[in-house]
Amino acid sequence: LDTVGTGGLAGLLALTHHRSGAHHLNDVATHPARRGRRLARLVCGTVTAQSLAAGAPAVTLGMYADNDAARALYAALGFTCVRGQTSGRLHP
């Protein structure tokens, strides 16, 4: 997402198509100076709707478990947690 006249990149989202036909949202990010303007909601909602309209049987994504803002956004868009993953304890 590049907002014309605002000085550059506002956010980004990459979309991966799986062999199953499902689409996966990758690397969703909003520039810190442009957060709070519902840009991620607009982009994720639009790409999700377009993917489903194009025949994708599902749209998936991953997120960091402690990202409460992302969790609220994705829940508002209708995403549900199907599977959680954790890593082992990291040692210095």
Protein backbone atom coordinates (compact mmCIF):
# COMPACT_ATOMS: atom_id res chain seq x y z
CA LEU A 1 0.00 0.00 0.00
CA ASP A 2 1.57 3.26 -1.11
CA THR A 3 -0.31 6.40 -0.18
CA VAL A 4 0.23 9.03 -2.83
CA GLY A 5 1.34 12.35 -1.43
CA THR A 6 2.11 11.07 2.07
CA GLY A 7 5.81 10.50 1.68
CA GLY A 8 6.07 6.81 0.94
CA LEU A 9 5.10 3.34 1.90
CA ALA A 10 2.20 3.01 4.33
CA GLY A 11 1.99 -0.74 4.62
CA LEU A 12 2.45 -4.06 2.90
CA LEU A 13 0.95 -7.51 2.51
CA ALA A 14 2.19 -10.49 0.51
CA LEU A 15 -0.15 -13.24 -0.69
CA THR A 16 0.89 -16.86 -1.19
CA HIS A 17 -1.22 -19.40 -3.10
CA HIS A 18 -1.00 -22.94 -1.73
CA ARG A 19 -1.36 -26.12 -3.77
CA SER A 20 -4.59 -26.79 -1.88
CA GLY A 21 -6.02 -23.62 -3.40
CA ALA A 22 -5.97 -21.77 -0.09
CA HIS A 23 -4.43 -18.31 0.00
CA HIS A 24 -2.13 -17.21 2.82
CA LEU A 25 -1.58 -13.63 3.99
CA ASN A 26 2.12 -13.03 4.67
CA ASP A 27 4.11 -10.19 6.15
CA VAL A 28 1.21 -7.88 6.98
CA ALA A 29 2.69 -4.65 8.26
CA THR A 30 1.79 -0.98 8.63
CA HIS A 31 4.38 1.77 8.92
CA PRO A 32 4.47 2.89 12.58
CA ALA A 33 3.69 6.51 11.62
CA ARG A 34 0.53 5.36 9.82
CA ARG A 35 -0.92 2.96 12.38
CA GLY A 36 -4.35 3.59 13.83
CA ARG A 37 -5.87 4.56 10.47
CA ARG A 38 -7.45 1.16 9.72
CA LEU A 39 -5.09 0.57 6.78
CA ALA A 40 -4.33 -3.04 7.76
CA ARG A 41 -8.05 -3.71 8.16
CA LEU A 42 -8.74 -2.29 4.71
CA VAL A 43 -5.94 -4.18 2.98
CA CYS A 44 -6.47 -7.51 4.77
CA GLY A 45 -10.23 -7.33 4.35
CA THR A 46 -9.98 -6.47 0.66
CA VAL A 47 -7.41 -9.16 -0.15
CA THR A 48 -9.35 -11.77 1.85
CA ALA A 49 -12.62 -10.92 0.09
CA GLN A 50 -10.93 -10.98 -3.32
CA SER A 51 -9.29 -14.33 -2.57
CA LEU A 52 -12.58 -15.93 -1.55
CA ALA A 53 -14.40 -14.39 -4.54
CA ALA A 54 -11.70 -15.84 -6.80
CA GLY A 55 -12.49 -19.32 -5.50
CA ALA A 56 -9.96 -19.87 -2.72
CA PRO A 57 -11.49 -22.43 -0.34
CA ALA A 58 -9.83 -20.70 2.62
CA VAL A 59 -7.61 -17.78 3.54
CA THR A 60 -5.02 -18.33 6.26
CA LEU A 61 -2.41 -16.29 8.09
CA GLY A 62 0.06 -16.52 10.92
CA MET A 63 0.81 -14.06 13.68
CA TYR A 64 2.87 -13.69 16.82
CA ALA A 65 0.85 -14.88 19.81
CA ASP A 66 1.51 -11.72 21.83
CA ASN A 67 0.32 -9.33 19.10
CA ASP A 68 -3.01 -8.34 20.63
CA ALA A 69 -3.72 -5.61 18.04
CA ALA A 70 -3.29 -8.10 15.18
CA ARG A 71 -5.41 -10.70 16.98
CA ALA A 72 -8.25 -8.18 17.38
CA LEU A 73 -8.00 -7.14 13.73
CA TYR A 74 -8.06 -10.69 12.40
CA ALA A 75 -10.91 -11.71 14.71
CA ALA A 76 -12.93 -8.71 13.49
CA LEU A 77 -12.35 -9.90 9.91
CA GLY A 78 -13.68 -13.37 10.79
CA PHE A 79 -10.43 -15.30 11.24
CA THR A 80 -10.35 -17.93 13.98
CA CYS A 81 -7.43 -19.68 15.65
CA VAL A 82 -7.22 -23.19 14.26
CA ARG A 83 -3.72 -24.13 15.36
CA GLY A 84 -1.16 -22.64 17.71
CA GLN A 85 2.57 -23.20 17.65
CA THR A 86 5.33 -22.41 20.09
CA SER A 87 9.07 -22.77 20.04
CA GLY A 88 11.21 -24.31 22.69
CA ARG A 89 12.95 -22.16 25.23
CA LEU A 90 15.69 -20.09 23.62
CA HIS A 91 19.11 -20.05 25.25
CA PRO A 92 21.53 -17.13 25.00
